[in-house]
C-alpha atoms as a PDB file:
ATOM      1  CA  MET A   1      17.754 -11.757 -27.585  1.00  0.00           C
ATOM      2  CA  LYS A   2      20.533 -13.106 -25.373  1.00  0.00           C
ATOM      3  CA  ALA A   3      22.381 -14.565 -28.351  1.00  0.00           C
ATOM      4  CA  LEU A   4      22.062 -11.263 -30.214  1.00  0.00           C
ATOM      5  CA  LEU A   5      23.401  -9.306 -27.247  1.00  0.00           C
ATOM      6  CA  SER A   6      26.321 -11.690 -26.958  1.00  0.00           C
ATOM      7  CA  ALA A   7      27.223 -11.182 -30.596  1.00  0.00           C
ATOM      8  CA  ILE A   8      26.928  -7.397 -30.320  1.00  0.00           C
ATOM      9  CA  LEU A   9      28.699  -6.886 -27.027  1.00  0.00           C
ATOM     10  CA  LEU A  10      31.421  -9.480 -27.300  1.00  0.00           C
ATOM     11  CA  SER A  11      32.438  -7.993 -30.629  1.00  0.00           C
ATOM     12  CA  THR A  12      33.321  -4.812 -28.752  1.00  0.00           C
ATOM     13  CA  ILE A  13      35.458  -6.250 -25.961  1.00  0.00           C
ATOM     14  CA  ILE A  14      38.126  -3.700 -25.262  1.00  0.00           C
ATOM     15  CA  PHE A  15      41.645  -4.482 -26.260  1.00  0.00           C
ATOM     16  CA  SER A  16      44.181  -1.718 -26.740  1.00  0.00           C
ATOM     17  CA  GLY A  17      43.005   0.709 -29.398  1.00  0.00           C
ATOM     18  CA  CYS A  18      39.927  -1.182 -30.548  1.00  0.00           C
ATOM     19  CA  TYR A  19      37.319   1.375 -29.438  1.00  0.00           C
ATOM     20  CA  ASP A  20      36.872   4.908 -30.745  1.00  0.00           C
ATOM     21  CA  HIS A  21      35.866   6.791 -27.575  1.00  0.00           C
ATOM     22  CA  HIS A  22      35.379  10.003 -29.600  1.00  0.00           C
ATOM     23  CA  LYS A  23      32.442   8.557 -31.493  1.00  0.00           C
ATOM     24  CA  GLU A  24      29.150  10.255 -30.613  1.00  0.00           C
ATOM     25  CA  PRO A  25      26.308   7.912 -29.656  1.00  0.00           C
ATOM     26  CA  ASP A  26      23.310   7.959 -31.982  1.00  0.00           C
ATOM     27  CA  LEU A  27      20.296   8.522 -29.759  1.00  0.00           C
ATOM     28  CA  SER A  28      17.765   9.142 -32.509  1.00  0.00           C
ATOM     29  CA  GLY A  29      14.528   7.296 -32.072  1.00  0.00           C
ATOM     30  CA  ASN A  30      15.051   6.684 -28.344  1.00  0.00           C
ATOM     31  CA  GLU A  31      11.740   5.540 -26.905  1.00  0.00           C
ATOM     32  CA  GLN A  32      13.098   5.041 -23.385  1.00  0.00           C
ATOM     33  CA  VAL A  33      12.391   1.330 -23.379  1.00  0.00           C
ATOM     34  CA  ALA A  34      14.685  -1.448 -22.265  1.00  0.00           C
ATOM     35  CA  THR A  35      16.162  -3.724 -24.908  1.00  0.00           C
ATOM     36  CA  ALA A  36      18.107  -5.811 -22.385  1.00  0.00           C
ATOM     37  CA  THR A  37      17.983  -6.711 -18.720  1.00  0.00           C
ATOM     38  CA  ILE A  38      20.799  -6.034 -16.305  1.00  0.00           C
ATOM     39  CA  ALA A  39      21.098  -9.788 -15.749  1.00  0.00           C
ATOM     40  CA  GLU A  40      21.766 -10.215 -19.466  1.00  0.00           C
ATOM     41  CA  LEU A  41      24.538  -7.629 -19.279  1.00  0.00           C
ATOM     42  CA  TYR A  42      26.160  -9.619 -16.463  1.00  0.00           C
ATOM     43  CA  THR A  43      26.320 -12.678 -18.691  1.00  0.00           C
ATOM     44  CA  MET A  44      28.243 -10.681 -21.291  1.00  0.00           C
ATOM     45  CA  CYS A  45      30.968  -9.631 -18.834  1.00  0.00           C
ATOM     46  CA  ASN A  46      33.931 -11.476 -17.458  1.00  0.00           C
ATOM     47  CA  HIS A  47      35.474 -10.271 -14.229  1.00  0.00           C
ATOM     48  CA  GLU A  48      38.098  -7.544 -14.703  1.00  0.00           C
ATOM     49  CA  GLN A  49      37.333  -7.231 -18.423  1.00  0.00           C
ATOM     50  CA  VAL A  50      35.996  -3.938 -19.773  1.00  0.00           C
ATOM     51  CA  ILE A  51      33.489  -4.043 -22.602  1.00  0.00           C
ATOM     52  CA  ALA A  52      32.682  -1.027 -24.773  1.00  0.00           C
ATOM     53  CA  ILE A  53      29.164  -0.873 -26.127  1.00  0.00           C
ATOM     54  CA  ASP A  54      28.781   0.285 -29.709  1.00  0.00           C
ATOM     55  CA  ALA A  55      25.203  -0.829 -30.281  1.00  0.00           C
ATOM     56  CA  GLU A  56      21.746   0.563 -29.536  1.00  0.00           C
ATOM     57  CA  VAL A  57      21.194  -1.210 -26.208  1.00  0.00           C
ATOM     58  CA  ALA A  58      19.235   0.202 -23.257  1.00  0.00           C
ATOM     59  CA  VAL A  59      18.491  -0.989 -19.749  1.00  0.00           C
ATOM     60  CA  ARG A  60      15.856   0.394 -17.413  1.00  0.00           C
ATOM     61  CA  GLY A  61      15.708   0.191 -13.647  1.00  0.00           C
ATOM     62  CA  THR A  62      14.707   1.861 -10.397  1.00  0.00           C
ATOM     63  CA  VAL A  63      17.172   3.978  -8.426  1.00  0.00           C
ATOM     64  CA  VAL A  64      17.705   2.459  -4.972  1.00  0.00           C
ATOM     65  CA  SER A  65      20.449   4.836  -3.779  1.00  0.00           C
ATOM     66  CA  SER A  66      20.733   8.484  -2.748  1.00  0.00           C
ATOM     67  CA  ASP A  67      23.691  10.806  -2.200  1.00  0.00           C
ATOM     68  CA  SER A  68      21.610  13.493  -0.464  1.00  0.00           C
ATOM     69  CA  GLN A  69      23.429  12.828   2.835  1.00  0.00           C
ATOM     70  CA  ASN A  70      26.711  11.799   1.176  1.00  0.00           C
ATOM     71  CA  PHE A  71      26.766   8.206   2.399  1.00  0.00           C
ATOM     72  CA  ILE A  72      27.055   7.174  -1.263  1.00  0.00           C
ATOM     73  CA  ASN A  73      29.073   9.306  -3.640  1.00  0.00           C
ATOM     74  CA  LYS A  74      29.685   9.546  -7.385  1.00  0.00           C
ATOM     75  CA  ALA A  75      27.332   6.712  -8.295  1.00  0.00           C
ATOM     76  CA  ILE A  76      23.721   5.670  -8.483  1.00  0.00           C
ATOM     77  CA  TYR A  77      22.559   2.081  -8.036  1.00  0.00           C
ATOM     78  CA  ILE A  78      19.658   0.759 -10.082  1.00  0.00           C
ATOM     79  CA  ASP A  79      17.636  -2.453  -9.848  1.00  0.00           C
ATOM     80  CA  ASP A  80      15.498  -3.822 -12.689  1.00  0.00           C
ATOM     81  CA  GLY A  81      14.248  -6.895 -10.850  1.00  0.00           C
ATOM     82  CA  THR A  82      16.717  -9.228 -12.593  1.00  0.00           C
ATOM     83  CA  ALA A  83      19.941  -7.743 -11.195  1.00  0.00           C
ATOM     84  CA  THR A  84      21.551  -4.447 -10.223  1.00  0.00           C
ATOM     85  CA  ALA A  85      24.000  -1.993 -11.765  1.00  0.00           C
ATOM     86  CA  LYS A  86      26.190   0.768 -10.422  1.00  0.00           C
ATOM     87  CA  ILE A  87      26.193   3.794 -12.736  1.00  0.00           C
ATOM     88  CA  CYS A  88      29.457   5.682 -12.191  1.00  0.00           C
ATOM     89  CA  ILE A  89      28.968   9.459 -12.184  1.00  0.00           C
ATOM     90  CA  ASN A  90      31.831  11.813 -11.387  1.00  0.00           C
ATOM     91  CA  MET A  91      29.543  14.450  -9.870  1.00  0.00           C
ATOM     92  CA  SER A  92      28.005  15.242  -6.482  1.00  0.00           C
ATOM     93  CA  GLN A  93      24.360  15.509  -5.388  1.00  0.00           C
ATOM     94  CA  THR A  94      23.040  13.478  -8.309  1.00  0.00           C
ATOM     95  CA  SER A  95      19.992  12.569  -6.210  1.00  0.00           C
ATOM     96  CA  SER A  96      18.568  15.924  -7.272  1.00  0.00           C
ATOM     97  CA  LEU A  97      18.546  14.530 -10.820  1.00  0.00           C
ATOM     98  CA  TYR A  98      17.858  10.862 -10.038  1.00  0.00           C
ATOM     99  CA  PRO A  99      16.098  10.577  -6.666  1.00  0.00           C
ATOM    100  CA  GLU A 100      15.533   7.298  -4.900  1.00  0.00           C
ATOM    101  CA  GLY A 101      12.648   5.500  -6.604  1.00  0.00           C
ATOM    102  CA  ALA A 102      13.096   7.197  -9.974  1.00  0.00           C
ATOM    103  CA  ARG A 103      12.792   4.960 -13.020  1.00  0.00           C
ATOM    104  CA  VAL A 104      15.765   5.618 -15.280  1.00  0.00           C
ATOM    105  CA  THR A 105      16.721   4.400 -18.726  1.00  0.00           C
ATOM    106  CA  ILE A 106      20.418   4.028 -19.525  1.00  0.00           C
ATOM    107  CA  LEU A 107      21.351   4.269 -23.201  1.00  0.00           C
ATOM    108  CA  LEU A 108      24.487   2.162 -23.360  1.00  0.00           C
ATOM    109  CA  LYS A 109      25.874   3.010 -26.786  1.00  0.00           C
ATOM    110  CA  GLY A 110      29.132   4.878 -26.208  1.00  0.00           C
ATOM    111  CA  LEU A 111      29.480   3.668 -22.605  1.00  0.00           C
ATOM    112  CA  ALA A 112      31.478   0.776 -21.180  1.00  0.00           C
ATOM    113  CA  MET A 113      30.834  -1.843 -18.525  1.00  0.00           C
ATOM    114  CA  THR A 114      32.752  -4.194 -16.293  1.00  0.00           C
ATOM    115  CA  ILE A 115      32.268  -6.249 -13.147  1.00  0.00           C
ATOM    116  CA  ARG A 116      34.132  -5.145 -10.034  1.00  0.00           C
ATOM    117  CA  ASN A 117      33.642  -6.830  -6.675  1.00  0.00           C
ATOM    118  CA  TYR A 118      30.676  -8.792  -8.075  1.00  0.00           C
ATOM    119  CA  GLN A 119      28.925  -5.552  -9.088  1.00  0.00           C
ATOM    120  CA  LEU A 120      28.196  -4.520 -12.662  1.00  0.00           C
ATOM    121  CA  ASN A 121      29.684  -1.048 -13.209  1.00  0.00           C
ATOM    122  CA  ILE A 122      28.636   1.167 -16.112  1.00  0.00           C
ATOM    123  CA  GLY A 123      30.524   4.312 -17.092  1.00  0.00           C
ATOM    124  CA  ILE A 124      32.966   5.711 -19.625  1.00  0.00           C
ATOM    125  CA  ARG A 125      36.076   3.865 -20.708  1.00  0.00           C
ATOM    126  CA  ASP A 126      39.220   5.449 -19.316  1.00  0.00           C
ATOM    127  CA  SER A 127      41.316   6.285 -22.388  1.00  0.00           C
ATOM    128  CA  GLU A 128      44.500   6.310 -20.291  1.00  0.00           C
ATOM    129  CA  GLU A 129      43.695   3.038 -18.495  1.00  0.00           C
ATOM    130  CA  PRO A 130      41.729   0.896 -20.990  1.00  0.00           C
ATOM    131  CA  THR A 131      41.128  -1.794 -18.375  1.00  0.00           C
ATOM    132  CA  GLU A 132      39.200   0.685 -16.223  1.00  0.00           C
ATOM    133  CA  ILE A 133      36.090   2.819 -16.526  1.00  0.00           C
ATOM    134  CA  LYS A 134      35.454   6.262 -15.069  1.00  0.00           C
ATOM    135  CA  GLY A 135      32.382   8.226 -14.111  1.00  0.00           C
ATOM    136  CA  ILE A 136      30.230  10.289 -16.435  1.00  0.00           C
ATOM    137  CA  GLN A 137      31.498  13.807 -15.833  1.00  0.00           C
ATOM    138  CA  SER A 138      28.947  16.425 -16.880  1.00  0.00           C
ATOM    139  CA  GLU A 139      25.221  17.091 -16.988  1.00  0.00           C
ATOM    140  CA  VAL A 140      25.458  17.255 -20.772  1.00  0.00           C
ATOM    141  CA  LEU A 141      26.675  13.655 -20.876  1.00  0.00           C
ATOM    142  CA  LEU A 142      24.149  12.603 -18.245  1.00  0.00           C
ATOM    143  CA  GLU A 143      21.345  13.949 -20.405  1.00  0.00           C
ATOM    144  CA  ARG A 144      22.803  12.108 -23.374  1.00  0.00           C
ATOM    145  CA  TYR A 145      22.904   8.714 -21.689  1.00  0.00           C
ATOM    146  CA  ILE A 146      20.324   8.760 -18.873  1.00  0.00           C
ATOM    147  CA  SER A 147      16.634   9.680 -18.942  1.00  0.00           C
ATOM    148  CA  CYS A 148      14.423   9.776 -15.873  1.00  0.00           C
ATOM    149  CA  ASP A 149      10.698   9.493 -15.205  1.00  0.00           C
ATOM    150  CA  ASP A 150       9.038  12.332 -13.329  1.00  0.00           C
ATOM    151  CA  THR A 151       7.366  10.389 -10.525  1.00  0.00           C
ATOM    152  CA  PRO A 152       9.509   8.306  -8.138  1.00  0.00           C
ATOM    153  CA  HIS A 153       8.276   4.880  -7.010  1.00  0.00           C
ATOM    154  CA  PRO A 154      10.750   3.712  -4.339  1.00  0.00           C
ATOM    155  CA  LEU A 155      11.417  -0.003  -4.024  1.00  0.00           C
ATOM    156  CA  ALA A 156      10.891  -1.581  -0.619  1.00  0.00           C
ATOM    157  CA  PRO A 157      14.117  -3.082   0.764  1.00  0.00           C
ATOM    158  CA  GLN A 158      14.440  -6.849   0.718  1.00  0.00           C
ATOM    159  CA  VAL A 159      14.251  -8.105   4.309  1.00  0.00           C
ATOM    160  CA  VAL A 160      17.072 -10.593   4.928  1.00  0.00           C
ATOM    161  CA  ARG A 161      18.984 -12.260   7.732  1.00  0.00           C
ATOM    162  CA  PRO A 162      22.748 -11.865   8.097  1.00  0.00           C
ATOM    163  CA  HIS A 163      23.499 -15.411   6.887  1.00  0.00           C
ATOM    164  CA  GLU A 164      21.595 -14.689   3.660  1.00  0.00           C
ATOM    165  CA  LEU A 165      23.941 -11.883   2.644  1.00  0.00           C
ATOM    166  CA  SER A 166      26.318 -12.830  -0.156  1.00  0.00           C
ATOM    167  CA  SER A 167      27.929 -11.495  -3.318  1.00  0.00           C
ATOM    168  CA  LEU A 168      24.787 -12.581  -5.196  1.00  0.00           C
ATOM    169  CA  LEU A 169      22.966  -9.638  -3.558  1.00  0.00           C
ATOM    170  CA  CYS A 170      25.505  -6.959  -4.483  1.00  0.00           C
ATOM    171  CA  GLY A 171      23.709  -3.744  -5.365  1.00  0.00           C
ATOM    172  CA  LYS A 172      20.442  -4.834  -3.738  1.00  0.00           C
ATOM    173  CA  LEU A 173      18.727  -2.644  -1.162  1.00  0.00           C
ATOM    174  CA  VAL A 174      18.247  -4.843   1.907  1.00  0.00           C
ATOM    175  CA  GLN A 175      17.070  -4.531   5.489  1.00  0.00           C
ATOM    176  CA  LEU A 176      18.170  -6.385   8.628  1.00  0.00           C
ATOM    177  CA  GLU A 177      16.236  -6.146  11.872  1.00  0.00           C
ATOM    178  CA  GLY A 178      17.466  -6.258  15.459  1.00  0.00           C
ATOM    179  CA  MET A 179      21.107  -5.371  14.751  1.00  0.00           C
ATOM    180  CA  MET A 180      23.429  -3.836  17.354  1.00  0.00           C
ATOM    181  CA  HIS A 181      26.904  -2.372  17.024  1.00  0.00           C
ATOM    182  CA  SER A 182      29.208  -5.203  18.084  1.00  0.00           C
ATOM    183  CA  PRO A 183      32.883  -4.454  17.468  1.00  0.00           C
ATOM    184  CA  THR A 184      35.416  -7.274  17.583  1.00  0.00           C
ATOM    185  CA  ASP A 185      38.400  -5.211  16.457  1.00  0.00           C
ATOM    186  CA  GLU A 186      39.928  -2.250  18.272  1.00  0.00           C
ATOM    187  CA  SER A 187      39.843  -0.282  15.041  1.00  0.00           C
ATOM    188  CA  ASP A 188      36.028  -0.561  15.057  1.00  0.00           C
ATOM    189  CA  ARG A 189      35.291   2.526  17.117  1.00  0.00           C
ATOM    190  CA  TYR A 190      31.985   3.755  18.522  1.00  0.00           C
ATOM    191  CA  ILE A 191      32.365   6.943  16.477  1.00  0.00           C
ATOM    192  CA  ALA A 192      31.014   6.591  12.957  1.00  0.00           C
ATOM    193  CA  GLY A 193      33.632   6.372  10.240  1.00  0.00           C
ATOM    194  CA  GLY A 194      34.786   3.525   8.017  1.00  0.00           C
ATOM    195  CA  PHE A 195      33.633  -0.046   8.644  1.00  0.00           C
ATOM    196  CA  HIS A 196      31.585  -1.086  11.683  1.00  0.00           C
ATOM    197  CA  ARG A 197      30.339  -4.536  12.686  1.00  0.00           C
ATOM    198  CA  PHE A 198      26.688  -5.062  13.653  1.00  0.00           C
ATOM    199  CA  ALA A 199      25.322  -8.334  15.052  1.00  0.00           C
ATOM    200  CA  ASN A 200      22.001  -9.750  16.213  1.00  0.00           C
ATOM    201  CA  LEU A 201      21.177 -11.859  19.270  1.00  0.00           C
ATOM    202  CA  GLN A 202      21.504 -15.051  17.222  1.00  0.00           C
ATOM    203  CA  GLY A 203      25.146 -14.322  16.406  1.00  0.00           C
ATOM    204  CA  GLY A 204      24.556 -13.269  12.820  1.00  0.00           C
ATOM    205  CA  TYR A 205      26.455 -10.196  11.750  1.00  0.00           C
ATOM    206  CA  THR A 206      27.375  -7.883   8.904  1.00  0.00           C
ATOM    207  CA  TYR A 207      29.266  -4.633   8.425  1.00  0.00           C
ATOM    208  CA  ILE A 208      28.242  -1.127   7.465  1.00  0.00           C
ATOM    209  CA  TYR A 209      30.454   1.499   5.863  1.00  0.00           C
ATOM    210  CA  ILE A 210      30.250   5.177   6.872  1.00  0.00           C
ATOM    211  CA  ASP A 211      31.817   7.500   4.313  1.00  0.00           C
ATOM    212  CA  GLU A 212      33.975  10.343   5.605  1.00  0.00           C
ATOM    213  CA  TYR A 213      31.778  12.857   3.786  1.00  0.00           C
ATOM    214  CA  SER A 214      28.500  11.488   5.138  1.00  0.00           C
ATOM    215  CA  ALA A 215      26.133  13.277   7.489  1.00  0.00           C
ATOM    216  CA  MET A 216      26.898  10.619  10.119  1.00  0.00           C
ATOM    217  CA  PHE A 217      30.692  10.757  10.059  1.00  0.00           C
ATOM    218  CA  GLY A 218      32.223  11.559  13.454  1.00  0.00           C
ATOM    219  CA  LYS A 219      28.967  11.076  15.345  1.00  0.00           C
ATOM    220  CA  SER A 220      28.226   8.389  17.920  1.00  0.00           C
ATOM    221  CA  LEU A 221      26.852   5.114  16.627  1.00  0.00           C
ATOM    222  CA  PRO A 222      23.545   3.870  18.089  1.00  0.00           C
ATOM    223  CA  SER A 223      23.959   1.946  21.355  1.00  0.00           C
ATOM    224  CA  THR A 224      20.711  -0.028  21.055  1.00  0.00           C
ATOM    225  CA  ALA A 225      19.364  -2.543  18.561  1.00  0.00           C
ATOM    226  CA  VAL A 226      18.334  -0.939  15.266  1.00  0.00           C
ATOM    227  CA  THR A 227      17.052  -1.888  11.856  1.00  0.00           C
ATOM    228  CA  LEU A 228      19.813  -1.546   9.271  1.00  0.00           C
ATOM    229  CA  THR A 229      19.002  -0.638   5.678  1.00  0.00           C
ATOM    230  CA  GLY A 230      21.556  -0.343   2.909  1.00  0.00           C
ATOM    231  CA  ILE A 231      22.981  -1.455  -0.401  1.00  0.00           C
ATOM    232  CA  VAL A 232      24.966  -4.690  -0.396  1.00  0.00           C
ATOM    233  CA  THR A 233      28.666  -4.464  -1.314  1.00  0.00           C
ATOM    234  CA  TRP A 234      31.455  -7.077  -1.347  1.00  0.00           C
ATOM    235  CA  HIS A 235      34.968  -6.528   0.012  1.00  0.00           C
ATOM    236  CA  ALA A 236      38.053  -8.734  -0.239  1.00  0.00           C
ATOM    237  CA  THR A 237      38.684  -8.207   3.473  1.00  0.00           C
ATOM    238  CA  ILE A 238      37.231  -6.237   6.401  1.00  0.00           C
ATOM    239  CA  PHE A 239      39.091  -6.275   9.729  1.00  0.00           C
ATOM    240  CA  GLY A 240      40.998  -9.312   8.475  1.00  0.00           C
ATOM    241  CA  GLU A 241      37.871 -11.237   7.500  1.00  0.00           C
ATOM    242  CA  PRO A 242      38.023 -12.356   3.845  1.00  0.00           C
ATOM    243  CA  ASN A 243      35.079 -12.201   1.437  1.00  0.00           C
ATOM    244  CA  ALA A 244      33.117  -9.832   3.647  1.00  0.00           C
ATOM    245  CA  ILE A 245      29.810  -8.075   3.001  1.00  0.00           C
ATOM    246  CA  ALA A 246      29.096  -4.481   4.028  1.00  0.00           C
ATOM    247  CA  LEU A 247      25.995  -2.345   3.658  1.00  0.00           C
ATOM    248  CA  LEU A 248      26.086   1.188   2.303  1.00  0.00           C
ATOM    249  CA  PRO A 249      23.423   3.189   4.139  1.00  0.00           C
ATOM    250  CA  ARG A 250      21.788   6.075   2.276  1.00  0.00           C
ATOM    251  CA  TYR A 251      20.483   8.139   5.175  1.00  0.00           C
ATOM    252  CA  LYS A 252      21.079   8.446   8.909  1.00  0.00           C
ATOM    253  CA  SER A 253      17.713   6.764   9.399  1.00  0.00           C
ATOM    254  CA  ASP A 254      19.127   3.670   7.680  1.00  0.00           C
ATOM    255  CA  ILE A 255      21.156   3.035  10.830  1.00  0.00           C
ATOM    256  CA  GLY A 256      18.500   4.083  13.300  1.00  0.00           C
ATOM    257  CA  MET A 257      19.608   7.697  13.706  1.00  0.00           C
END
């Protein structure tokens, strides 16, 4: 299967003009079953390279994100147990369509994928910037490419310690216990917005990111130890620290509020 996927997907690596983005995907006979794992898709990608998919390939995973409180926007994150993917969607409040815990099947024919910041991104090739992908932009297209089970079955977050966080966990829903806001930079304010550093009593630490549109933005951060829950993301630098990890919370309760 892996060899077959390699032959199919690598034959569609995007170079200028090699992909007809007007071609309609053929979804006949879709049985909403996975024909590949997300981990297998990772092996087909090279960093910064965009691959168009012109074959009947499908992945299936559980939604671990939510944009109901606007901490995460224009994307859903899925986990199939082998790896994770970020599905780029240029719409708001997609959690009403794909709630946390929903099992979704992504039909990849007609879409494109790339790896950015150690995270597999799936979306539509940008015809103006062929080295980039953009979000799916309408409910019509969402219905074409994504199907969703009726009954959500949320995944429990993976309990980790700060030193265990790395780019290998990008896209994973994780949980860290006994974390307290511990700024080391004057730009890390006690009012929620942007990046904030949290540490435990053992000196382990990580960052969280509070989106400006989130329900928490502009409010006071917790002043006591809390359990942090969020999706792992990698950043080239945070407060001058290179190769830094930050969590994307989904709800105020993910940061003890």
